N, C-alpha and C. Protein backbone atom coordinates (compact mmCIF):
# COMPACT_ATOMS: atom_id res chain seq x y z
N UNK A 1 6.44 29.48 -20.19
CA UNK A 1 6.75 28.28 -19.43
C UNK A 1 5.97 28.28 -18.13
N UNK A 2 5.42 27.14 -17.83
CA UNK A 2 4.67 26.96 -16.59
C UNK A 2 5.57 26.34 -15.52
N UNK A 3 5.43 26.81 -14.30
CA UNK A 3 6.10 26.17 -13.18
C UNK A 3 5.35 24.90 -12.84
N UNK A 4 6.08 23.86 -12.51
CA UNK A 4 5.44 22.58 -12.20
C UNK A 4 6.23 21.83 -11.14
N UNK A 5 5.55 20.97 -10.44
CA UNK A 5 6.19 20.09 -9.48
C UNK A 5 6.26 18.69 -10.08
N UNK A 6 7.40 18.06 -9.95
CA UNK A 6 7.57 16.68 -10.42
C UNK A 6 7.76 15.79 -9.20
N UNK A 7 7.19 14.62 -9.25
CA UNK A 7 7.38 13.66 -8.16
C UNK A 7 7.38 12.26 -8.73
N UNK A 8 8.28 11.45 -8.23
CA UNK A 8 8.32 10.04 -8.62
C UNK A 8 8.45 9.20 -7.36
N UNK A 9 7.90 8.02 -7.41
CA UNK A 9 8.06 7.09 -6.31
C UNK A 9 8.52 5.76 -6.87
N UNK A 10 9.30 5.06 -6.10
CA UNK A 10 9.77 3.73 -6.48
C UNK A 10 9.19 2.72 -5.50
N UNK A 11 8.69 1.64 -6.05
CA UNK A 11 8.13 0.57 -5.24
C UNK A 11 8.85 -0.73 -5.57
N UNK A 12 8.88 -1.64 -4.61
CA UNK A 12 9.45 -2.94 -4.89
C UNK A 12 8.39 -3.84 -5.53
N UNK A 13 8.74 -5.10 -5.75
CA UNK A 13 7.83 -6.03 -6.44
C UNK A 13 6.54 -6.32 -5.67
N UNK A 14 6.50 -5.97 -4.38
CA UNK A 14 5.28 -6.18 -3.59
C UNK A 14 4.43 -4.91 -3.51
N UNK A 15 4.94 -3.81 -4.08
CA UNK A 15 4.22 -2.55 -4.03
C UNK A 15 4.64 -1.66 -2.88
N UNK A 16 5.61 -2.10 -2.08
CA UNK A 16 6.08 -1.34 -0.93
C UNK A 16 6.91 -0.15 -1.40
N UNK A 17 6.62 1.03 -0.88
CA UNK A 17 7.35 2.24 -1.24
C UNK A 17 8.77 2.16 -0.71
N UNK A 18 9.76 2.33 -1.61
CA UNK A 18 11.15 2.24 -1.18
C UNK A 18 11.95 3.52 -1.40
N UNK A 19 11.50 4.39 -2.30
CA UNK A 19 12.25 5.62 -2.56
C UNK A 19 11.36 6.62 -3.29
N UNK A 20 11.81 7.85 -3.32
CA UNK A 20 11.08 8.88 -4.05
C UNK A 20 11.95 10.08 -4.31
N UNK A 21 11.48 10.92 -5.20
CA UNK A 21 12.23 12.13 -5.53
C UNK A 21 11.23 13.18 -6.02
N UNK A 22 11.44 14.42 -5.63
CA UNK A 22 10.60 15.52 -6.09
C UNK A 22 11.49 16.65 -6.60
N UNK A 23 10.91 17.46 -7.48
CA UNK A 23 11.66 18.56 -8.06
C UNK A 23 10.69 19.64 -8.52
N UNK A 24 11.03 20.89 -8.30
CA UNK A 24 10.27 22.02 -8.81
C UNK A 24 10.98 22.51 -10.05
N UNK A 25 10.27 22.65 -11.17
CA UNK A 25 10.91 23.05 -12.43
C UNK A 25 9.90 23.78 -13.31
N UNK A 26 10.28 24.02 -14.55
CA UNK A 26 9.40 24.64 -15.53
C UNK A 26 9.30 23.73 -16.75
N UNK A 27 8.13 23.76 -17.39
CA UNK A 27 7.92 22.96 -18.60
C UNK A 27 6.98 23.73 -19.52
N UNK A 28 7.25 23.70 -20.83
CA UNK A 28 6.40 24.43 -21.76
C UNK A 28 5.04 23.78 -22.00
N UNK A 29 4.94 22.44 -21.82
CA UNK A 29 3.67 21.74 -22.04
C UNK A 29 3.52 20.66 -20.97
N UNK A 30 2.30 20.16 -20.81
CA UNK A 30 2.07 19.09 -19.84
C UNK A 30 2.77 17.81 -20.27
N UNK A 31 2.89 17.57 -21.58
CA UNK A 31 3.60 16.38 -22.06
C UNK A 31 5.08 16.44 -21.70
N UNK A 32 5.67 17.61 -21.82
CA UNK A 32 7.07 17.78 -21.42
C UNK A 32 7.20 17.56 -19.92
N UNK A 33 6.26 18.06 -19.13
CA UNK A 33 6.30 17.85 -17.68
C UNK A 33 6.23 16.36 -17.35
N UNK A 34 5.37 15.62 -18.03
CA UNK A 34 5.27 14.17 -17.81
C UNK A 34 6.59 13.49 -18.18
N UNK A 35 7.20 13.91 -19.29
CA UNK A 35 8.47 13.32 -19.71
C UNK A 35 9.59 13.67 -18.73
N UNK A 36 9.58 14.88 -18.20
CA UNK A 36 10.58 15.26 -17.20
C UNK A 36 10.43 14.41 -15.93
N UNK A 37 9.19 14.14 -15.54
CA UNK A 37 8.96 13.28 -14.36
C UNK A 37 9.46 11.87 -14.64
N UNK A 38 9.21 11.37 -15.84
CA UNK A 38 9.69 10.03 -16.18
C UNK A 38 11.21 9.99 -16.17
N UNK A 39 11.85 11.03 -16.70
CA UNK A 39 13.32 11.08 -16.66
C UNK A 39 13.82 11.11 -15.22
N UNK A 40 13.13 11.84 -14.35
CA UNK A 40 13.49 11.88 -12.94
C UNK A 40 13.40 10.47 -12.33
N UNK A 41 12.36 9.74 -12.71
CA UNK A 41 12.22 8.36 -12.24
C UNK A 41 13.32 7.46 -12.74
N UNK A 42 13.73 7.64 -13.97
CA UNK A 42 14.82 6.83 -14.53
C UNK A 42 16.12 7.14 -13.81
N UNK A 43 16.37 8.41 -13.55
CA UNK A 43 17.58 8.77 -12.81
C UNK A 43 17.57 8.17 -11.41
N UNK A 44 16.41 8.14 -10.77
CA UNK A 44 16.30 7.48 -9.46
C UNK A 44 16.55 5.98 -9.60
N UNK A 45 15.96 5.36 -10.62
CA UNK A 45 16.13 3.92 -10.83
C UNK A 45 17.59 3.55 -11.09
N UNK A 46 18.31 4.42 -11.75
CA UNK A 46 19.72 4.13 -12.05
C UNK A 46 20.58 4.08 -10.79
N UNK A 47 20.08 4.58 -9.67
CA UNK A 47 20.82 4.51 -8.40
C UNK A 47 20.50 3.21 -7.65
N UNK A 48 19.58 2.42 -8.18
CA UNK A 48 19.13 1.20 -7.51
C UNK A 48 19.62 -0.04 -8.23
N UNK A 49 19.60 -1.14 -7.49
CA UNK A 49 19.93 -2.41 -8.13
C UNK A 49 18.66 -3.25 -8.22
N UNK A 50 18.36 -3.65 -9.42
CA UNK A 50 17.19 -4.50 -9.67
C UNK A 50 17.40 -5.18 -11.01
N UNK A 51 16.70 -6.28 -11.21
CA UNK A 51 16.84 -7.00 -12.48
C UNK A 51 15.83 -6.52 -13.52
N UNK A 52 14.77 -5.85 -13.09
CA UNK A 52 13.77 -5.35 -14.03
C UNK A 52 13.12 -4.10 -13.45
N UNK A 53 12.93 -3.13 -14.31
CA UNK A 53 12.26 -1.89 -13.91
C UNK A 53 11.00 -1.74 -14.73
N UNK A 54 9.91 -1.37 -14.07
CA UNK A 54 8.65 -1.03 -14.75
C UNK A 54 8.41 0.44 -14.50
N UNK A 55 8.43 1.23 -15.55
CA UNK A 55 8.19 2.67 -15.44
C UNK A 55 6.73 2.92 -15.78
N UNK A 56 5.99 3.44 -14.81
CA UNK A 56 4.57 3.69 -14.99
C UNK A 56 4.31 5.20 -15.04
N UNK A 57 3.37 5.56 -15.89
CA UNK A 57 2.93 6.95 -15.98
C UNK A 57 1.46 6.95 -16.35
N UNK A 58 0.77 8.01 -16.00
CA UNK A 58 -0.64 8.11 -16.40
C UNK A 58 -0.77 8.88 -17.71
N UNK A 59 0.33 9.03 -18.43
CA UNK A 59 0.34 9.71 -19.73
C UNK A 59 0.48 8.66 -20.84
N UNK A 60 -0.64 8.23 -21.38
CA UNK A 60 -0.65 7.19 -22.42
C UNK A 60 0.13 7.62 -23.66
N UNK A 61 0.07 8.88 -24.00
CA UNK A 61 0.80 9.35 -25.18
C UNK A 61 2.31 9.12 -25.01
N UNK A 62 2.82 9.35 -23.83
CA UNK A 62 4.24 9.14 -23.55
C UNK A 62 4.59 7.65 -23.60
N UNK A 63 3.74 6.81 -23.04
CA UNK A 63 3.96 5.37 -23.09
C UNK A 63 4.03 4.90 -24.54
N UNK A 64 3.10 5.37 -25.37
CA UNK A 64 3.09 4.99 -26.78
C UNK A 64 4.33 5.48 -27.51
N UNK A 65 4.78 6.67 -27.18
CA UNK A 65 5.99 7.20 -27.82
C UNK A 65 7.21 6.34 -27.49
N UNK A 66 7.29 5.89 -26.26
CA UNK A 66 8.45 5.11 -25.82
C UNK A 66 8.34 3.63 -26.21
N UNK A 67 7.16 3.07 -26.14
CA UNK A 67 6.97 1.65 -26.42
C UNK A 67 6.97 1.34 -27.91
N UNK A 68 6.40 2.24 -28.69
CA UNK A 68 6.19 1.96 -30.11
C UNK A 68 6.94 2.93 -31.01
N UNK A 69 7.81 3.73 -30.43
CA UNK A 69 8.57 4.73 -31.18
C UNK A 69 7.66 5.64 -32.01
N UNK A 70 6.50 5.94 -31.45
CA UNK A 70 5.58 6.88 -32.11
C UNK A 70 6.12 8.29 -31.95
N UNK A 71 6.26 9.01 -33.05
CA UNK A 71 6.72 10.40 -32.92
C UNK A 71 5.63 11.27 -32.29
N UNK A 72 6.05 12.35 -31.68
CA UNK A 72 5.11 13.26 -31.04
C UNK A 72 4.78 14.43 -31.95
N UNK A 73 3.59 14.95 -31.80
CA UNK A 73 3.24 16.20 -32.48
C UNK A 73 3.73 17.39 -31.66
N UNK A 74 4.16 17.14 -30.44
CA UNK A 74 4.72 18.17 -29.56
C UNK A 74 6.23 18.19 -29.77
N UNK A 75 6.71 19.10 -30.60
CA UNK A 75 8.13 19.14 -30.94
C UNK A 75 9.02 19.33 -29.73
N UNK A 76 8.52 19.96 -28.68
CA UNK A 76 9.34 20.25 -27.50
C UNK A 76 9.70 18.99 -26.72
N UNK A 77 8.92 17.92 -26.85
CA UNK A 77 9.16 16.71 -26.07
C UNK A 77 10.09 15.72 -26.78
N UNK A 78 10.21 15.80 -28.09
CA UNK A 78 10.96 14.78 -28.83
C UNK A 78 12.42 14.62 -28.37
N UNK A 79 13.19 15.70 -28.18
CA UNK A 79 14.56 15.51 -27.68
C UNK A 79 14.60 14.86 -26.29
N UNK A 80 13.62 15.16 -25.47
CA UNK A 80 13.56 14.58 -24.13
C UNK A 80 13.25 13.08 -24.21
N UNK A 81 12.37 12.69 -25.10
CA UNK A 81 12.06 11.27 -25.31
C UNK A 81 13.31 10.53 -25.78
N UNK A 82 14.05 11.12 -26.69
CA UNK A 82 15.29 10.50 -27.15
C UNK A 82 16.29 10.37 -26.01
N UNK A 83 16.35 11.38 -25.13
CA UNK A 83 17.24 11.31 -23.97
C UNK A 83 16.81 10.20 -23.01
N UNK A 84 15.52 10.07 -22.80
CA UNK A 84 14.99 9.00 -21.94
C UNK A 84 15.38 7.64 -22.50
N UNK A 85 15.23 7.46 -23.80
CA UNK A 85 15.59 6.20 -24.43
C UNK A 85 17.08 5.92 -24.27
N UNK A 86 17.91 6.95 -24.41
CA UNK A 86 19.36 6.78 -24.24
C UNK A 86 19.71 6.41 -22.80
N UNK A 87 19.01 6.99 -21.83
CA UNK A 87 19.28 6.68 -20.42
C UNK A 87 18.96 5.23 -20.06
N UNK A 88 18.05 4.62 -20.80
CA UNK A 88 17.63 3.26 -20.45
C UNK A 88 18.30 2.18 -21.28
N UNK A 89 19.14 2.56 -22.23
CA UNK A 89 19.78 1.57 -23.10
C UNK A 89 20.56 0.52 -22.30
N UNK A 90 21.32 0.96 -21.30
CA UNK A 90 22.16 0.03 -20.54
C UNK A 90 21.52 -0.41 -19.22
N UNK A 91 20.22 -0.19 -19.06
CA UNK A 91 19.55 -0.56 -17.82
C UNK A 91 19.11 -2.02 -17.78
N UNK A 92 19.25 -2.72 -18.86
CA UNK A 92 18.78 -4.10 -18.87
C UNK A 92 17.28 -4.14 -19.10
N UNK A 93 16.62 -5.00 -18.38
CA UNK A 93 15.20 -5.23 -18.57
C UNK A 93 14.37 -4.08 -17.99
N UNK A 94 13.55 -3.49 -18.84
CA UNK A 94 12.65 -2.43 -18.39
C UNK A 94 11.45 -2.37 -19.33
N UNK A 95 10.37 -1.79 -18.82
CA UNK A 95 9.18 -1.64 -19.65
C UNK A 95 8.47 -0.34 -19.29
N UNK A 96 7.64 0.11 -20.22
CA UNK A 96 6.85 1.33 -20.05
C UNK A 96 5.40 0.91 -19.93
N UNK A 97 4.71 1.37 -18.91
CA UNK A 97 3.32 0.99 -18.73
C UNK A 97 2.47 2.19 -18.35
N UNK A 98 1.25 2.18 -18.88
CA UNK A 98 0.27 3.19 -18.51
C UNK A 98 -0.39 2.74 -17.22
N UNK A 99 -0.65 3.68 -16.34
CA UNK A 99 -1.41 3.42 -15.12
C UNK A 99 -2.47 4.51 -14.99
N UNK A 100 -3.52 4.20 -14.31
CA UNK A 100 -4.59 5.19 -14.16
C UNK A 100 -4.13 6.33 -13.24
N UNK A 101 -4.78 7.46 -13.37
CA UNK A 101 -4.48 8.59 -12.49
C UNK A 101 -4.73 8.21 -11.03
N UNK A 102 -5.74 7.40 -10.79
CA UNK A 102 -6.04 6.95 -9.43
C UNK A 102 -4.86 6.15 -8.86
N UNK A 103 -4.29 5.26 -9.66
CA UNK A 103 -3.16 4.46 -9.18
C UNK A 103 -1.90 5.30 -9.02
N UNK A 104 -1.88 6.45 -9.67
CA UNK A 104 -0.72 7.33 -9.64
C UNK A 104 -0.90 8.48 -8.65
N UNK A 105 -1.91 8.40 -7.80
CA UNK A 105 -2.26 9.55 -6.97
C UNK A 105 -1.21 9.92 -5.93
N UNK A 106 -0.40 9.00 -5.47
CA UNK A 106 0.64 9.36 -4.49
C UNK A 106 1.65 10.32 -5.12
N UNK A 107 2.13 9.98 -6.30
CA UNK A 107 3.08 10.86 -6.99
C UNK A 107 2.40 12.17 -7.40
N UNK A 108 1.16 12.09 -7.87
CA UNK A 108 0.44 13.31 -8.26
C UNK A 108 0.26 14.25 -7.06
N UNK A 109 -0.05 13.68 -5.90
CA UNK A 109 -0.23 14.51 -4.70
C UNK A 109 1.08 15.17 -4.29
N UNK A 110 2.17 14.41 -4.31
CA UNK A 110 3.47 14.99 -3.97
C UNK A 110 3.83 16.10 -4.94
N UNK A 111 3.57 15.89 -6.24
CA UNK A 111 3.88 16.90 -7.25
C UNK A 111 3.05 18.16 -7.03
N UNK A 112 1.78 18.00 -6.66
CA UNK A 112 0.95 19.19 -6.45
C UNK A 112 1.42 19.97 -5.22
N UNK A 113 1.89 19.29 -4.20
CA UNK A 113 2.42 19.98 -3.02
C UNK A 113 3.69 20.76 -3.38
N UNK A 114 4.52 20.16 -4.20
CA UNK A 114 5.74 20.85 -4.63
C UNK A 114 5.37 22.06 -5.49
N UNK A 115 4.43 21.87 -6.42
CA UNK A 115 4.00 22.96 -7.31
C UNK A 115 3.44 24.13 -6.51
N UNK A 116 2.68 23.83 -5.45
CA UNK A 116 2.09 24.87 -4.60
C UNK A 116 3.09 25.41 -3.60
N UNK A 117 4.24 24.78 -3.58
CA UNK A 117 5.29 25.12 -2.62
C UNK A 117 4.79 24.99 -1.19
N UNK A 118 3.91 24.00 -1.00
CA UNK A 118 3.36 23.72 0.33
C UNK A 118 4.34 22.94 1.18
N UNK A 119 5.33 22.37 0.54
CA UNK A 119 6.33 21.60 1.27
C UNK A 119 7.71 22.08 0.85
N UNK A 120 8.64 21.95 1.72
CA UNK A 120 10.01 22.33 1.42
C UNK A 120 10.79 21.09 0.99
N UNK A 121 10.37 20.48 -0.11
CA UNK A 121 11.00 19.26 -0.58
C UNK A 121 11.65 19.45 -1.95
N UNK A 122 11.96 20.66 -2.32
CA UNK A 122 12.51 20.91 -3.64
C UNK A 122 13.85 20.17 -3.78
N UNK A 123 13.91 19.29 -4.76
CA UNK A 123 15.13 18.51 -4.98
C UNK A 123 15.32 17.42 -3.94
N UNK A 124 14.33 17.15 -3.14
CA UNK A 124 14.39 16.17 -2.07
C UNK A 124 14.31 14.75 -2.63
N UNK A 125 15.08 13.86 -2.07
CA UNK A 125 14.94 12.45 -2.41
C UNK A 125 15.12 11.64 -1.14
N UNK A 126 14.61 10.43 -1.15
CA UNK A 126 14.75 9.58 0.01
C UNK A 126 14.81 8.12 -0.41
N UNK A 127 15.43 7.35 0.42
CA UNK A 127 15.40 5.90 0.32
C UNK A 127 14.84 5.43 1.65
N UNK A 128 13.77 4.67 1.60
CA UNK A 128 12.99 4.37 2.79
C UNK A 128 13.80 3.79 3.95
N UNK A 129 14.70 2.83 3.74
CA UNK A 129 15.44 2.33 4.92
C UNK A 129 16.21 3.43 5.65
N UNK A 130 16.77 4.39 4.91
CA UNK A 130 17.47 5.49 5.57
C UNK A 130 16.48 6.40 6.29
N UNK A 131 15.35 6.64 5.68
CA UNK A 131 14.33 7.49 6.29
C UNK A 131 13.82 6.87 7.57
N UNK A 132 13.53 5.58 7.56
CA UNK A 132 13.06 4.91 8.76
C UNK A 132 14.14 4.88 9.83
N UNK A 133 15.39 4.70 9.42
CA UNK A 133 16.49 4.66 10.36
C UNK A 133 16.65 5.96 11.13
N UNK A 134 16.29 7.06 10.50
CA UNK A 134 16.46 8.35 11.18
C UNK A 134 15.39 8.57 12.24
N UNK A 135 14.31 7.80 12.23
CA UNK A 135 13.24 7.96 13.22
C UNK A 135 13.33 6.95 14.36
N UNK A 136 14.17 5.95 14.24
CA UNK A 136 14.25 4.89 15.26
C UNK A 136 14.98 5.36 16.49
């Protein structure tokens, strides 16, 4: 098992950063790590109120598995994909979208900092209005 850093960010409909979450964990494959990050994002989304959620990842294989019910050749990820699908059943309107690594660089950078243990944000989450309020 490889140690990995997971990071997710939530943006509103204008692209403004509103929340995020990071976690240090272990994953047997990079696909499982991507699925764990997506699950972390879903758990964050479930704490928010919105009429539609767009879950973006730079892992096209994961998007295809969730959007088209394509089975994975990575047996370790299949139970996690089923869990992700179960978590979103009662979420209402949501979609899975691929995004480029460049567009995903904020989350990738946060994840790399967590993986390197360069930051003490293990299990850290924030909601931007609360974060801004603490600096005023």
